[in-house]
C-alpha cells in the first residue's frame, strides 16, 4: 500500500514508526497498529465518530451488530451471512488488494483478508483499536489507517 500526503499528495516514506512526507515534512504516526491521518483535529463528522467510538466495545456483540443487521435487512440476513455473501462476491472478482472504507472493528476486513491484501480505513480511533486487537487475535494481517473517507491518503 502506498500512501500520499493529504496536504500535498506526495508519496509518503515509512520511517521509524511513522509516515513522513519528504515534500512538506508532515508526519503521520503509527498509533499502535494504524496510521493516523486525522490527528487531534479529527473529522468534520465529529459527532458521528464519537458515536462509533462509544459503541466500539459492543459493536460485534449480539447487542449491536447482528441485531442491527437483522433490522437493516428486514430479518433476511444475519451478520455472518452478510459477511460471507460480501466475501464470496469479492472473491469472484479476484482482487489482490481490497480497500475497506469505514472498516469499524474490521469484521469484513478480517474475512476478506483470507483471499486478498486488505487495507481498512475508519475515522473512529476506538473502532480501529478494536480492529487491531481483533486482527491480531485472529492472526489476520490488516493494514489500517485513521482517515476521512472523503479525503483518503
Protein backbone atom coordinates (compact mmCIF):
# COMPACT_ATOMS: atom_id res chain seq x y z
CA UNK A 1 0.00 0.00 0.00
CA UNK A 2 1.34 3.40 -0.95
CA UNK A 3 0.18 6.44 0.97
CA UNK A 4 0.11 10.02 -0.26
CA UNK A 5 0.31 13.10 1.91
CA UNK A 6 -3.17 14.57 2.40
CA UNK A 7 -1.59 18.04 2.30
CA UNK A 8 0.50 17.92 -0.88
CA UNK A 9 -0.21 14.46 -2.41
CA UNK A 10 3.47 13.50 -2.39
CA UNK A 11 4.15 9.77 -1.74
CA UNK A 12 4.99 9.16 1.92
CA UNK A 13 8.05 7.39 3.28
CA UNK A 14 7.84 4.89 6.16
CA UNK A 15 10.29 5.93 8.83
CA UNK A 16 10.66 4.87 12.50
CA UNK A 17 7.01 4.06 13.23
CA UNK A 18 5.52 6.90 11.25
CA UNK A 19 4.92 8.10 7.75
CA UNK A 20 6.89 11.15 6.62
CA UNK A 21 6.24 13.46 3.69
CA UNK A 22 9.57 14.29 2.02
CA UNK A 23 7.99 17.34 0.38
CA UNK A 24 6.17 19.22 3.16
CA UNK A 25 7.66 17.36 6.18
CA UNK A 26 4.25 16.38 7.57
CA UNK A 27 4.29 13.26 9.75
CA UNK A 28 1.59 10.69 10.40
CA UNK A 29 2.20 8.48 13.47
CA UNK A 30 1.58 4.80 13.95
CA UNK A 31 -0.87 4.61 16.85
CA UNK A 32 -0.21 1.01 17.79
CA UNK A 33 -1.29 -0.71 14.60
CA UNK A 34 -2.79 2.02 12.44
CA UNK A 35 -1.53 5.22 10.86
CA UNK A 36 -3.32 8.37 11.98
CA UNK A 37 -4.01 10.92 9.24
CA UNK A 38 -6.53 12.90 11.32
CA UNK A 39 -4.59 13.67 14.49
CA UNK A 40 -6.32 15.68 17.17
CA UNK A 41 -8.28 17.68 14.60
CA UNK A 42 -10.44 14.68 13.76
CA UNK A 43 -13.01 14.95 11.02
CA UNK A 44 -15.96 17.12 10.07
CA UNK A 45 -18.28 14.34 11.28
CA UNK A 46 -17.12 14.53 14.87
CA UNK A 47 -20.48 13.64 16.45
CA UNK A 48 -20.87 10.53 14.31
CA UNK A 49 -17.29 9.47 15.01
CA UNK A 50 -17.91 9.97 18.74
CA UNK A 51 -20.94 7.68 18.50
CA UNK A 52 -18.88 4.92 16.91
CA UNK A 53 -16.09 5.45 19.44
CA UNK A 54 -18.72 4.94 22.16
CA UNK A 55 -20.22 1.74 20.69
CA UNK A 56 -16.91 0.16 19.66
CA UNK A 57 -16.93 -2.12 22.71
CA UNK A 58 -20.27 -3.70 21.83
CA UNK A 59 -20.14 -3.38 18.03
CA UNK A 60 -19.60 -7.08 17.25
CA UNK A 61 -21.69 -8.36 20.15
CA UNK A 62 -25.29 -9.61 19.77
CA UNK A 63 -26.37 -6.37 21.40
CA UNK A 64 -25.34 -4.26 18.41
CA UNK A 65 -24.17 -5.56 15.04
CA UNK A 66 -26.12 -8.80 14.49
CA UNK A 67 -29.32 -7.20 15.75
CA UNK A 68 -28.67 -4.16 13.57
CA UNK A 69 -28.11 -6.36 10.50
CA UNK A 70 -31.34 -8.24 11.11
CA UNK A 71 -33.21 -4.93 11.36
CA UNK A 72 -31.43 -3.39 8.34
CA UNK A 73 -32.15 -6.40 6.11
CA UNK A 74 -35.71 -6.91 7.26
CA UNK A 75 -34.76 -10.12 9.01
CA UNK A 76 -33.34 -11.70 5.84
CA UNK A 77 -29.66 -11.87 6.82
CA UNK A 78 -27.54 -12.35 9.89
CA UNK A 79 -24.24 -10.52 10.26
CA UNK A 80 -22.33 -13.72 9.48
CA UNK A 81 -24.41 -14.37 6.35
CA UNK A 82 -23.84 -10.83 5.13
CA UNK A 83 -20.07 -11.04 5.71
CA UNK A 84 -19.90 -14.36 3.83
CA UNK A 85 -22.02 -13.03 0.95
CA UNK A 86 -19.76 -10.00 0.54
CA UNK A 87 -16.65 -12.20 0.81
CA UNK A 88 -17.95 -14.53 -1.93
CA UNK A 89 -18.70 -11.58 -4.19
CA UNK A 90 -15.27 -10.03 -3.67
CA UNK A 91 -13.63 -13.43 -4.17
CA UNK A 92 -15.39 -13.79 -7.54
CA UNK A 93 -13.77 -10.55 -8.67
CA UNK A 94 -10.36 -11.90 -7.61
CA UNK A 95 -8.71 -8.68 -6.39
CA UNK A 96 -5.24 -8.77 -4.92
CA UNK A 97 -5.98 -5.70 -2.81
CA UNK A 98 -9.18 -4.55 -1.11
CA UNK A 99 -9.93 -1.16 0.45
CA UNK A 100 -12.50 -1.41 3.26
CA UNK A 101 -13.81 2.11 3.87
CA UNK A 102 -15.49 2.54 7.28
CA UNK A 103 -13.90 -0.73 8.40
CA UNK A 104 -15.00 -0.28 12.02
CA UNK A 105 -13.78 -3.22 14.09
CA UNK A 106 -12.56 -4.99 10.95
CA UNK A 107 -15.38 -7.54 10.75
CA UNK A 108 -15.47 -7.59 6.93
CA UNK A 109 -11.75 -6.83 6.54
CA UNK A 110 -10.71 -9.85 8.61
CA UNK A 111 -12.82 -12.17 6.46
CA UNK A 112 -11.68 -10.58 3.18
CA UNK A 113 -8.02 -10.87 4.24
CA UNK A 114 -8.23 -14.63 3.69
CA UNK A 115 -8.02 -14.03 -0.07
CA UNK A 116 -6.54 -10.57 -0.55
CA UNK A 117 -4.39 -7.89 1.00
CA UNK A 118 -6.82 -5.65 2.89
CA UNK A 119 -6.49 -2.04 3.95
CA UNK A 120 -9.13 -0.79 6.37
CA UNK A 121 -9.88 2.90 6.85
CA UNK A 122 -12.05 4.45 9.53
CA UNK A 123 -12.36 7.83 11.26
CA UNK A 124 -13.02 6.28 14.68
CA UNK A 125 -9.88 5.73 16.72
CA UNK A 126 -11.64 3.33 19.11
CA UNK A 127 -13.01 1.22 16.25
CA UNK A 128 -9.51 0.97 14.81
CA UNK A 129 -8.02 -0.01 18.18
CA UNK A 130 -10.53 -2.88 18.28
CA UNK A 131 -9.77 -3.76 14.65
CA UNK A 132 -6.08 -4.05 15.54
CA UNK A 133 -6.85 -6.31 18.54
CA UNK A 134 -9.32 -8.44 16.55
CA UNK A 135 -6.91 -8.91 13.64
CA UNK A 136 -4.09 -9.90 15.99
CA UNK A 137 -6.39 -12.29 17.87
CA UNK A 138 -7.48 -13.90 14.59
CA UNK A 139 -3.95 -13.93 13.16
CA UNK A 140 -5.06 -11.87 10.16
CA UNK A 141 -2.77 -9.29 8.56
CA UNK A 142 -4.54 -5.95 8.06
CA UNK A 143 -3.16 -2.56 7.19
CA UNK A 144 -5.23 0.10 8.95
CA UNK A 145 -5.40 3.86 8.94
CA UNK A 146 -7.46 6.58 10.56
CA UNK A 147 -8.63 8.91 7.85
CA UNK A 148 -11.65 10.71 6.49
CA UNK A 149 -13.36 8.73 3.71
CA UNK A 150 -13.82 11.97 1.79
CA UNK A 151 -10.07 12.60 1.72
CA UNK A 152 -8.26 9.28 1.58
CA UNK A 153 -4.48 9.29 1.87
